[in-house]
Amino acid sequence: MQVLMCPVCRDSLTLNARTWRCPQGHSFDLAKQGYVNLHVVQHKHSKHPGDTPEAVDARRAFLSAGFYAPLRQAVEQLLERYQPKTLLDIGCGEGYYTSAMQAYVEQCFGVDIAKSAVQRAAKLNQAVTWVVGTGAVLPALDQSIDLCSSLFSPIPQPEILRILKDDGLCLVVTPAPRHLYDLREALFEQVNLHEPEKFVAQMSENFELIESSIVDAELDLQQQDIINLLAMTPYAYKAKPEKRQALEQRDHLQVTASFQLYLFKKKAVM
């Protein structure tokens, strides 16, 4: 089934050999790593958007060590229950969660604005269709996706509504109130609880909340793990440099990661 959308004319794209083409003649070649870049220049706001290669490497090292495995397993169990056929992962990064989800669907698409992240993802799993693209214009045709996922990523509601089939699902994973609380205490004078429920309010007009759960992971971090975790979070540049350096010099840290999972269902259009 055709899913990918041409970013120029919004017609369908078909893969022929190593080139995606639309009926209007626009074409996009697969990179040697196996991904396609559909982030056209008119949609760009910076020369190198998205995560830096350093942040991508840090996240891959941290996630590969299995610290967030409880979250990955919870996502897999959810897909096993609902059995969507087509899935698009917004902000897929280097593909840790996307590759896990791919095993449960017929067609899996990972989209990220950071080319360095998609390059790394494509090297690891050729069964996923990896795309450099933007949430502002998701590279999928209208009503072509059964489940859209956004794990710690933006939630472009109008685009998600456009690409989801009727009764399609949207999985949102965001920090639970006390996510990495001890880590944040070491970095900031004042620590506020995360407020995941704001997403429920934001999506209530177009989506019905059908599942909600919190997954905790107890982390026992060594020094390099601490460094990697800081590098992959926004805390790295929000904290004062001296606070970050002091934390990076610690040889051990115990902290709880706490994830809020929401599963939404697209409301029927009246």
C-alpha atoms as a PDB file:
ATOM      1  CA  MET A   1       0.000   0.000   0.000  1.00  0.00           C
ATOM      2  CA  GLN A   2       1.275   3.452  -0.905  1.00  0.00           C
ATOM      3  CA  VAL A   3       1.913   5.616   2.142  1.00  0.00           C
ATOM      4  CA  LEU A   4       4.722   8.099   1.487  1.00  0.00           C
ATOM      5  CA  MET A   5       3.739  11.531   0.172  1.00  0.00           C
ATOM      6  CA  CYS A   6       5.744  13.742  -2.152  1.00  0.00           C
ATOM      7  CA  PRO A   7       6.755  16.863  -0.180  1.00  0.00           C
ATOM      8  CA  VAL A   8       6.549  19.011  -3.303  1.00  0.00           C
ATOM      9  CA  CYS A   9       3.132  18.190  -4.793  1.00  0.00           C
ATOM     10  CA  ARG A  10       1.625  15.934  -2.069  1.00  0.00           C
ATOM     11  CA  ASP A  11       0.997  13.077  -4.526  1.00  0.00           C
ATOM     12  CA  SER A  12       1.915   9.469  -3.697  1.00  0.00           C
ATOM     13  CA  LEU A  13       5.494   8.216  -3.886  1.00  0.00           C
ATOM     14  CA  THR A  14       6.451   4.812  -5.289  1.00  0.00           C
ATOM     15  CA  LEU A  15       9.840   3.153  -4.819  1.00  0.00           C
ATOM     16  CA  ASN A  16      11.450   2.001  -8.068  1.00  0.00           C
ATOM     17  CA  ALA A  17      14.932   0.497  -7.638  1.00  0.00           C
ATOM     18  CA  ARG A  18      16.566   3.099  -5.341  1.00  0.00           C
ATOM     19  CA  THR A  19      14.401   6.108  -6.184  1.00  0.00           C
ATOM     20  CA  TRP A  20      11.067   7.285  -4.799  1.00  0.00           C
ATOM     21  CA  ARG A  21       8.980   8.924  -7.548  1.00  0.00           C
ATOM     22  CA  CYS A  22       5.560  10.568  -7.755  1.00  0.00           C
ATOM     23  CA  PRO A  23       3.283  10.767 -10.848  1.00  0.00           C
ATOM     24  CA  GLN A  24       4.284  14.431 -11.283  1.00  0.00           C
ATOM     25  CA  GLY A  25       7.913  13.439 -11.880  1.00  0.00           C
ATOM     26  CA  HIS A  26       9.465  14.532  -8.589  1.00  0.00           C
ATOM     27  CA  SER A  27      12.095  12.028  -7.475  1.00  0.00           C
ATOM     28  CA  PHE A  28      14.072  11.339  -4.307  1.00  0.00           C
ATOM     29  CA  ASP A  29      16.989   8.910  -4.263  1.00  0.00           C
ATOM     30  CA  LEU A  30      17.739   6.559  -1.416  1.00  0.00           C
ATOM     31  CA  ALA A  31      20.960   7.442   0.398  1.00  0.00           C
ATOM     32  CA  LYS A  32      23.621   4.732   0.601  1.00  0.00           C
ATOM     33  CA  GLN A  33      22.494   3.963   4.161  1.00  0.00           C
ATOM     34  CA  GLY A  34      18.971   3.250   2.876  1.00  0.00           C
ATOM     35  CA  TYR A  35      16.954   6.285   4.014  1.00  0.00           C
ATOM     36  CA  VAL A  36      15.255   8.958   1.887  1.00  0.00           C
ATOM     37  CA  ASN A  37      15.456  12.706   2.483  1.00  0.00           C
ATOM     38  CA  LEU A  38      12.030  14.313   1.996  1.00  0.00           C
ATOM     39  CA  HIS A  39      12.904  17.470   3.948  1.00  0.00           C
ATOM     40  CA  VAL A  40      12.782  19.906   1.042  1.00  0.00           C
ATOM     41  CA  VAL A  41      14.499  23.273   1.285  1.00  0.00           C
ATOM     42  CA  GLN A  42      11.270  25.296   1.531  1.00  0.00           C
ATOM     43  CA  HIS A  43      10.433  23.494   4.810  1.00  0.00           C
ATOM     44  CA  LYS A  44      13.823  24.105   6.419  1.00  0.00           C
ATOM     45  CA  HIS A  45      14.438  26.745   9.070  1.00  0.00           C
ATOM     46  CA  SER A  46      18.100  25.952   9.739  1.00  0.00           C
ATOM     47  CA  LYS A  47      21.016  24.367   7.913  1.00  0.00           C
ATOM     48  CA  HIS A  48      21.373  21.430  10.329  1.00  0.00           C
ATOM     49  CA  PRO A  49      18.030  20.983  12.123  1.00  0.00           C
ATOM     50  CA  GLY A  50      17.383  18.520  14.922  1.00  0.00           C
ATOM     51  CA  ASP A  51      19.749  16.818  17.334  1.00  0.00           C
ATOM     52  CA  THR A  52      23.501  17.175  16.949  1.00  0.00           C
ATOM     53  CA  PRO A  53      25.525  14.058  16.013  1.00  0.00           C
ATOM     54  CA  GLU A  54      26.979  14.155  19.538  1.00  0.00           C
ATOM     55  CA  ALA A  55      23.511  13.996  21.118  1.00  0.00           C
ATOM     56  CA  VAL A  56      22.529  11.161  18.758  1.00  0.00           C
ATOM     57  CA  ASP A  57      25.644   9.160  19.693  1.00  0.00           C
ATOM     58  CA  ALA A  58      25.039   9.728  23.412  1.00  0.00           C
ATOM     59  CA  ARG A  59      21.415   8.598  23.136  1.00  0.00           C
ATOM     60  CA  ARG A  60      22.338   5.490  21.197  1.00  0.00           C
ATOM     61  CA  ALA A  61      24.976   4.532  23.766  1.00  0.00           C
ATOM     62  CA  PHE A  62      22.592   5.131  26.681  1.00  0.00           C
ATOM     63  CA  LEU A  63      19.591   3.342  25.191  1.00  0.00           C
ATOM     64  CA  SER A  64      21.695   0.437  23.911  1.00  0.00           C
ATOM     65  CA  ALA A  65      22.735  -0.213  27.518  1.00  0.00           C
ATOM     66  CA  GLY A  66      19.087  -1.080  28.244  1.00  0.00           C
ATOM     67  CA  PHE A  67      18.269   1.622  30.796  1.00  0.00           C
ATOM     68  CA  TYR A  68      14.935   2.451  29.139  1.00  0.00           C
ATOM     69  CA  ALA A  69      14.050  -1.167  28.286  1.00  0.00           C
ATOM     70  CA  PRO A  70      10.925  -1.130  30.524  1.00  0.00           C
ATOM     71  CA  LEU A  71       9.455   1.634  28.357  1.00  0.00           C
ATOM     72  CA  ARG A  72      10.335  -0.190  25.156  1.00  0.00           C
ATOM     73  CA  GLN A  73       8.646  -3.348  26.474  1.00  0.00           C
ATOM     74  CA  ALA A  74       5.505  -1.408  27.452  1.00  0.00           C
ATOM     75  CA  VAL A  75       5.267   0.034  23.938  1.00  0.00           C
ATOM     76  CA  GLU A  76       5.711  -3.433  22.423  1.00  0.00           C
ATOM     77  CA  GLN A  77       2.931  -4.847  24.624  1.00  0.00           C
ATOM     78  CA  LEU A  78       0.604  -2.041  23.537  1.00  0.00           C
ATOM     79  CA  LEU A  79       1.231  -2.766  19.850  1.00  0.00           C
ATOM     80  CA  GLU A  80       0.693  -6.465  20.457  1.00  0.00           C
ATOM     81  CA  ARG A  81      -2.758  -5.679  21.865  1.00  0.00           C
ATOM     82  CA  TYR A  82      -3.910  -3.265  19.157  1.00  0.00           C
ATOM     83  CA  GLN A  83      -2.141  -4.779  16.110  1.00  0.00           C
ATOM     84  CA  PRO A  84      -1.952  -1.746  13.810  1.00  0.00           C
ATOM     85  CA  LYS A  85      -0.838  -2.497  10.257  1.00  0.00           C
ATOM     86  CA  THR A  86       0.838   0.825   9.439  1.00  0.00           C
ATOM     87  CA  LEU A  87       2.807   2.905  11.929  1.00  0.00           C
ATOM     88  CA  LEU A  88       4.604   6.238  11.637  1.00  0.00           C
ATOM     89  CA  ASP A  89       7.015   7.248  14.406  1.00  0.00           C
ATOM     90  CA  ILE A  90       7.481  11.020  14.699  1.00  0.00           C
ATOM     91  CA  GLY A  91      10.925  12.054  15.930  1.00  0.00           C
ATOM     92  CA  CYS A  92      12.315   8.539  15.584  1.00  0.00           C
ATOM     93  CA  GLY A  93      15.889   9.601  16.360  1.00  0.00           C
ATOM     94  CA  GLU A  94      18.403   6.798  15.935  1.00  0.00           C
ATOM     95  CA  GLY A  95      15.569   4.266  15.908  1.00  0.00           C
ATOM     96  CA  TYR A  96      15.734   2.486  19.272  1.00  0.00           C
ATOM     97  CA  TYR A  97      11.960   2.444  19.804  1.00  0.00           C
ATOM     98  CA  THR A  98      11.035   2.446  16.103  1.00  0.00           C
ATOM     99  CA  SER A  99      12.959  -0.761  15.461  1.00  0.00           C
ATOM    100  CA  ALA A 100      11.171  -2.439  18.369  1.00  0.00           C
ATOM    101  CA  MET A 101       7.768  -1.321  17.049  1.00  0.00           C
ATOM    102  CA  GLN A 102       8.559  -2.457  13.510  1.00  0.00           C
ATOM    103  CA  ALA A 103       8.380  -6.109  14.584  1.00  0.00           C
ATOM    104  CA  TYR A 104       4.652  -5.709  15.350  1.00  0.00           C
ATOM    105  CA  VAL A 105       3.412  -3.991  12.187  1.00  0.00           C
ATOM    106  CA  GLU A 106       3.330  -4.605   8.440  1.00  0.00           C
ATOM    107  CA  GLN A 107       4.662  -1.189   7.437  1.00  0.00           C
ATOM    108  CA  CYS A 108       6.775   1.017   9.708  1.00  0.00           C
ATOM    109  CA  PHE A 109       7.968   4.540   8.953  1.00  0.00           C
ATOM    110  CA  GLY A 110      10.484   6.440  11.076  1.00  0.00           C
ATOM    111  CA  VAL A 111      10.650  10.210  10.544  1.00  0.00           C
ATOM    112  CA  ASP A 112      13.131  12.653  12.043  1.00  0.00           C
ATOM    113  CA  ILE A 113      14.373  16.098  11.129  1.00  0.00           C
ATOM    114  CA  ALA A 114      17.975  15.231  12.113  1.00  0.00           C
ATOM    115  CA  LYS A 115      19.742  13.586   9.175  1.00  0.00           C
ATOM    116  CA  SER A 116      22.552  12.267  11.387  1.00  0.00           C
ATOM    117  CA  ALA A 117      19.993  10.380  13.510  1.00  0.00           C
ATOM    118  CA  VAL A 118      18.206   8.862  10.508  1.00  0.00           C
ATOM    119  CA  GLN A 119      21.528   7.810   8.979  1.00  0.00           C
ATOM    120  CA  ARG A 120      22.359   5.826  12.110  1.00  0.00           C
ATOM    121  CA  ALA A 121      18.875   4.330  12.291  1.00  0.00           C
ATOM    122  CA  ALA A 122      18.979   3.157   8.681  1.00  0.00           C
ATOM    123  CA  LYS A 123      22.245   1.303   9.229  1.00  0.00           C
ATOM    124  CA  LEU A 124      20.642  -0.782  11.977  1.00  0.00           C
ATOM    125  CA  ASN A 125      17.293  -1.849  10.519  1.00  0.00           C
ATOM    126  CA  GLN A 126      16.500  -2.023   6.807  1.00  0.00           C
ATOM    127  CA  ALA A 127      12.930  -3.246   7.486  1.00  0.00           C
ATOM    128  CA  VAL A 128      11.851   0.277   8.497  1.00  0.00           C
ATOM    129  CA  THR A 129      11.281   3.005   5.890  1.00  0.00           C
ATOM    130  CA  TRP A 130      13.455   5.793   7.302  1.00  0.00           C
ATOM    131  CA  VAL A 131      12.722   9.363   6.259  1.00  0.00           C
ATOM    132  CA  VAL A 132      14.375  12.696   6.928  1.00  0.00           C
ATOM    133  CA  GLY A 133      11.336  14.915   7.282  1.00  0.00           C
ATOM    134  CA  THR A 134       9.485  17.389   9.446  1.00  0.00           C
ATOM    135  CA  GLY A 135       6.454  17.086  11.695  1.00  0.00           C
ATOM    136  CA  ALA A 136       5.128  20.281  10.134  1.00  0.00           C
ATOM    137  CA  VAL A 137       4.509  18.293   6.928  1.00  0.00           C
ATOM    138  CA  LEU A 138       4.515  14.596   7.773  1.00  0.00           C
ATOM    139  CA  PRO A 139       5.581  12.578   4.695  1.00  0.00           C
ATOM    140  CA  ALA A 140       2.456  10.376   4.588  1.00  0.00           C
ATOM    141  CA  LEU A 141      -0.707  10.457   2.513  1.00  0.00           C
ATOM    142  CA  ASP A 142      -4.080  11.430   3.976  1.00  0.00           C
ATOM    143  CA  GLN A 143      -5.650   8.664   6.098  1.00  0.00           C
ATOM    144  CA  SER A 144      -2.835   6.177   5.404  1.00  0.00           C
ATOM    145  CA  ILE A 145      -1.623   5.401   8.965  1.00  0.00           C
ATOM    146  CA  ASP A 146      -3.198   3.196  11.659  1.00  0.00           C
ATOM    147  CA  LEU A 147      -1.000   4.393  14.528  1.00  0.00           C
ATOM    148  CA  CYS A 148       1.127   7.511  14.913  1.00  0.00           C
ATOM    149  CA  SER A 149       3.669   7.554  17.752  1.00  0.00           C
ATOM    150  CA  SER A 150       5.482  10.460  19.365  1.00  0.00           C
ATOM    151  CA  LEU A 151       7.952   9.426  22.057  1.00  0.00           C
ATOM    152  CA  PHE A 152       9.475  12.530  23.694  1.00  0.00           C
ATOM    153  CA  SER A 153       8.838  14.338  20.402  1.00  0.00           C
ATOM    154  CA  PRO A 154       6.567  17.088  19.071  1.00  0.00           C
ATOM    155  CA  ILE A 155       2.865  16.342  18.549  1.00  0.00           C
ATOM    156  CA  PRO A 156       1.801  18.123  15.331  1.00  0.00           C
ATOM    157  CA  GLN A 157      -1.933  17.570  15.802  1.00  0.00           C
ATOM    158  CA  PRO A 158      -3.198  18.841  12.428  1.00  0.00           C
ATOM    159  CA  GLU A 159      -0.777  16.581  10.554  1.00  0.00           C
ATOM    160  CA  ILE A 160      -1.466  13.582  12.782  1.00  0.00           C
ATOM    161  CA  LEU A 161      -5.197  14.044  12.187  1.00  0.00           C
ATOM    162  CA  ARG A 162      -4.586  14.264   8.447  1.00  0.00           C
ATOM    163  CA  ILE A 163      -2.540  11.078   8.096  1.00  0.00           C
ATOM    164  CA  LEU A 164      -4.459   8.873  10.585  1.00  0.00           C
ATOM    165  CA  LYS A 165      -7.195   6.627   9.278  1.00  0.00           C
ATOM    166  CA  ASP A 166     -10.667   6.959  10.775  1.00  0.00           C
ATOM    167  CA  ASP A 167     -10.438   5.581  14.337  1.00  0.00           C
ATOM    168  CA  GLY A 168      -6.633   5.713  14.055  1.00  0.00           C
ATOM    169  CA  LEU A 169      -4.495   5.731  17.199  1.00  0.00           C
ATOM    170  CA  CYS A 170      -1.899   8.160  18.526  1.00  0.00           C
ATOM    171  CA  LEU A 171       0.643   6.998  21.115  1.00  0.00           C
ATOM    172  CA  VAL A 172       2.272   9.772  23.150  1.00  0.00           C
ATOM    173  CA  VAL A 173       5.125   9.128  25.591  1.00  0.00           C
ATOM    174  CA  THR A 174       6.280  12.050  27.729  1.00  0.00           C
ATOM    175  CA  PRO A 175       8.013  12.470  31.106  1.00  0.00           C
ATOM    176  CA  ALA A 176       5.810  11.554  34.075  1.00  0.00           C
ATOM    177  CA  PRO A 177       5.752  14.103  36.950  1.00  0.00           C
ATOM    178  CA  ARG A 178       8.843  12.802  38.776  1.00  0.00           C
ATOM    179  CA  HIS A 179      10.905  11.750  35.741  1.00  0.00           C
ATOM    180  CA  LEU A 180      14.647  11.938  36.600  1.00  0.00           C
ATOM    181  CA  TYR A 181      13.806  14.039  39.654  1.00  0.00           C
ATOM    182  CA  ASP A 182      17.065  13.357  41.529  1.00  0.00           C
ATOM    183  CA  LEU A 183      19.093  14.207  38.435  1.00  0.00           C
ATOM    184  CA  ARG A 184      17.251  17.498  38.037  1.00  0.00           C
ATOM    185  CA  GLU A 185      17.745  18.288  41.726  1.00  0.00           C
ATOM    186  CA  ALA A 186      21.478  18.079  41.174  1.00  0.00           C
ATOM    187  CA  LEU A 187      21.256  20.501  38.235  1.00  0.00           C
ATOM    188  CA  PHE A 188      18.723  23.164  39.211  1.00  0.00           C
ATOM    189  CA  GLU A 189      17.965  25.333  42.237  1.00  0.00           C
ATOM    190  CA  GLN A 190      14.233  24.751  41.790  1.00  0.00           C
ATOM    191  CA  VAL A 191      12.739  21.547  40.379  1.00  0.00           C
ATOM    192  CA  ASN A 192       9.184  21.554  39.068  1.00  0.00           C
ATOM    193  CA  LEU A 193       7.183  18.416  38.462  1.00  0.00           C
ATOM    194  CA  HIS A 194       6.482  17.599  34.826  1.00  0.00           C
ATOM    195  CA  GLU A 195       2.862  18.114  33.796  1.00  0.00           C
ATOM    196  CA  PRO A 196       1.973  15.388  31.291  1.00  0.00           C
ATOM    197  CA  GLU A 197      -1.765  15.904  31.732  1.00  0.00           C
ATOM    198  CA  LYS A 198      -1.505  19.096  29.661  1.00  0.00           C
ATOM    199  CA  PHE A 199      -1.294  16.885  26.566  1.00  0.00           C
ATOM    200  CA  VAL A 200      -4.648  15.302  27.382  1.00  0.00           C
ATOM    201  CA  ALA A 201      -6.227  18.759  27.532  1.00  0.00           C
ATOM    202  CA  GLN A 202      -4.514  19.851  24.311  1.00  0.00           C
ATOM    203  CA  MET A 203      -5.746  16.813  22.391  1.00  0.00           C
ATOM    204  CA  SER A 204      -9.232  16.486  23.877  1.00  0.00           C
ATOM    205  CA  GLU A 205     -10.999  18.256  20.997  1.00  0.00           C
ATOM    206  CA  ASN A 206      -9.842  15.791  18.340  1.00  0.00           C
ATOM    207  CA  PHE A 207      -8.845  12.682  20.292  1.00  0.00           C
ATOM    208  CA  GLU A 208     -10.344  10.409  22.934  1.00  0.00           C
ATOM    209  CA  LEU A 209      -7.983   9.124  25.637  1.00  0.00           C
ATOM    210  CA  ILE A 210      -8.367   5.335  25.760  1.00  0.00           C
ATOM    211  CA  GLU A 211      -5.307   4.272  27.787  1.00  0.00           C
ATOM    212  CA  SER A 212      -3.044   5.907  30.346  1.00  0.00           C
ATOM    213  CA  SER A 213      -0.191   4.347  32.323  1.00  0.00           C
ATOM    214  CA  ILE A 214       3.096   5.204  34.013  1.00  0.00           C
ATOM    215  CA  VAL A 215       6.210   3.075  33.572  1.00  0.00           C
ATOM    216  CA  ASP A 216       9.140   3.439  35.977  1.00  0.00           C
ATOM    217  CA  ALA A 217      12.736   2.352  35.465  1.00  0.00           C
ATOM    218  CA  GLU A 218      15.274   2.323  38.304  1.00  0.00           C
ATOM    219  CA  LEU A 219      18.625   3.457  36.919  1.00  0.00           C
ATOM    220  CA  ASP A 220      21.999   2.651  38.462  1.00  0.00           C
ATOM    221  CA  LEU A 221      24.323   4.910  36.475  1.00  0.00           C
ATOM    222  CA  GLN A 222      28.092   4.949  36.222  1.00  0.00           C
ATOM    223  CA  GLN A 223      29.997   8.076  35.176  1.00  0.00           C
ATOM    224  CA  GLN A 224      29.808   7.547  31.398  1.00  0.00           C
ATOM    225  CA  ASP A 225      26.099   6.729  31.677  1.00  0.00           C
ATOM    226  CA  ILE A 226      25.532  10.035  33.492  1.00  0.00           C
ATOM    227  CA  ILE A 227      27.411  11.904  30.771  1.00  0.00           C
ATOM    228  CA  ASN A 228      25.399  10.179  28.030  1.00  0.00           C
ATOM    229  CA  LEU A 229      22.073  10.817  29.759  1.00  0.00           C
ATOM    230  CA  LEU A 230      22.828  14.506  30.195  1.00  0.00           C
ATOM    231  CA  ALA A 231      23.894  14.836  26.558  1.00  0.00           C
ATOM    232  CA  MET A 232      20.600  13.410  25.285  1.00  0.00           C
ATOM    233  CA  THR A 233      18.313  15.590  27.406  1.00  0.00           C
ATOM    234  CA  PRO A 234      17.455  19.306  27.251  1.00  0.00           C
ATOM    235  CA  TYR A 235      18.783  19.593  30.817  1.00  0.00           C
ATOM    236  CA  ALA A 236      22.292  19.646  29.354  1.00  0.00           C
ATOM    237  CA  TYR A 237      22.032  23.180  27.984  1.00  0.00           C
ATOM    238  CA  LYS A 238      19.485  24.519  30.503  1.00  0.00           C
ATOM    239  CA  ALA A 239      21.687  23.852  33.544  1.00  0.00           C
ATOM    240  CA  LYS A 240      24.536  26.082  34.692  1.00  0.00           C
ATOM    241  CA  PRO A 241      27.838  24.737  33.296  1.00  0.00           C
ATOM    242  CA  GLU A 242      29.360  24.286  36.761  1.00  0.00           C
ATOM    243  CA  LYS A 243      26.352  22.231  37.916  1.00  0.00           C
ATOM    244  CA  ARG A 244      26.536  20.013  34.844  1.00  0.00           C
ATOM    245  CA  GLN A 245      30.299  19.531  35.227  1.00  0.00           C
ATOM    246  CA  ALA A 246      29.917  18.562  38.895  1.00  0.00           C
ATOM    247  CA  LEU A 247      27.324  15.951  37.982  1.00  0.00           C
ATOM    248  CA  GLU A 248      29.427  14.593  35.119  1.00  0.00           C
ATOM    249  CA  GLN A 249      32.318  14.080  37.516  1.00  0.00           C
ATOM    250  CA  ARG A 250      30.313  11.804  39.799  1.00  0.00           C
ATOM    251  CA  ASP A 251      31.190   8.140  39.462  1.00  0.00           C
ATOM    252  CA  HIS A 252      27.742   6.883  40.470  1.00  0.00           C
ATOM    253  CA  LEU A 253      24.112   8.022  40.508  1.00  0.00           C
ATOM    254  CA  GLN A 254      20.848   6.259  41.285  1.00  0.00           C
ATOM    255  CA  VAL A 255      17.775   7.833  39.752  1.00  0.00           C
ATOM    256  CA  THR A 256      14.262   6.854  38.661  1.00  0.00           C
ATOM    257  CA  ALA A 257      13.090   7.393  35.101  1.00  0.00           C
ATOM    258  CA  SER A 258       9.303   7.735  34.979  1.00  0.00           C
ATOM    259  CA  PHE A 259       7.394   7.682  31.718  1.00  0.00           C
ATOM    260  CA  GLN A 260       3.794   8.698  31.039  1.00  0.00           C
ATOM    261  CA  LEU A 261       2.122   6.733  28.242  1.00  0.00           C
ATOM    262  CA  TYR A 262      -1.078   8.005  26.643  1.00  0.00           C
ATOM    263  CA  LEU A 263      -2.964   6.226  23.883  1.00  0.00           C
ATOM    264  CA  PHE A 264      -5.466   8.392  22.030  1.00  0.00           C
ATOM    265  CA  LYS A 265      -8.086   7.465  19.452  1.00  0.00           C
ATOM    266  CA  LYS A 266      -9.034   9.816  16.660  1.00  0.00           C
ATOM    267  CA  LYS A 267     -12.575  11.094  17.127  1.00  0.00           C
ATOM    268  CA  ALA A 268     -15.079  10.591  14.349  1.00  0.00           C
ATOM    269  CA  VAL A 269     -15.807  13.708  12.318  1.00  0.00           C
ATOM    270  CA  MET A 270     -19.429  14.703  12.857  1.00  0.00           C
END
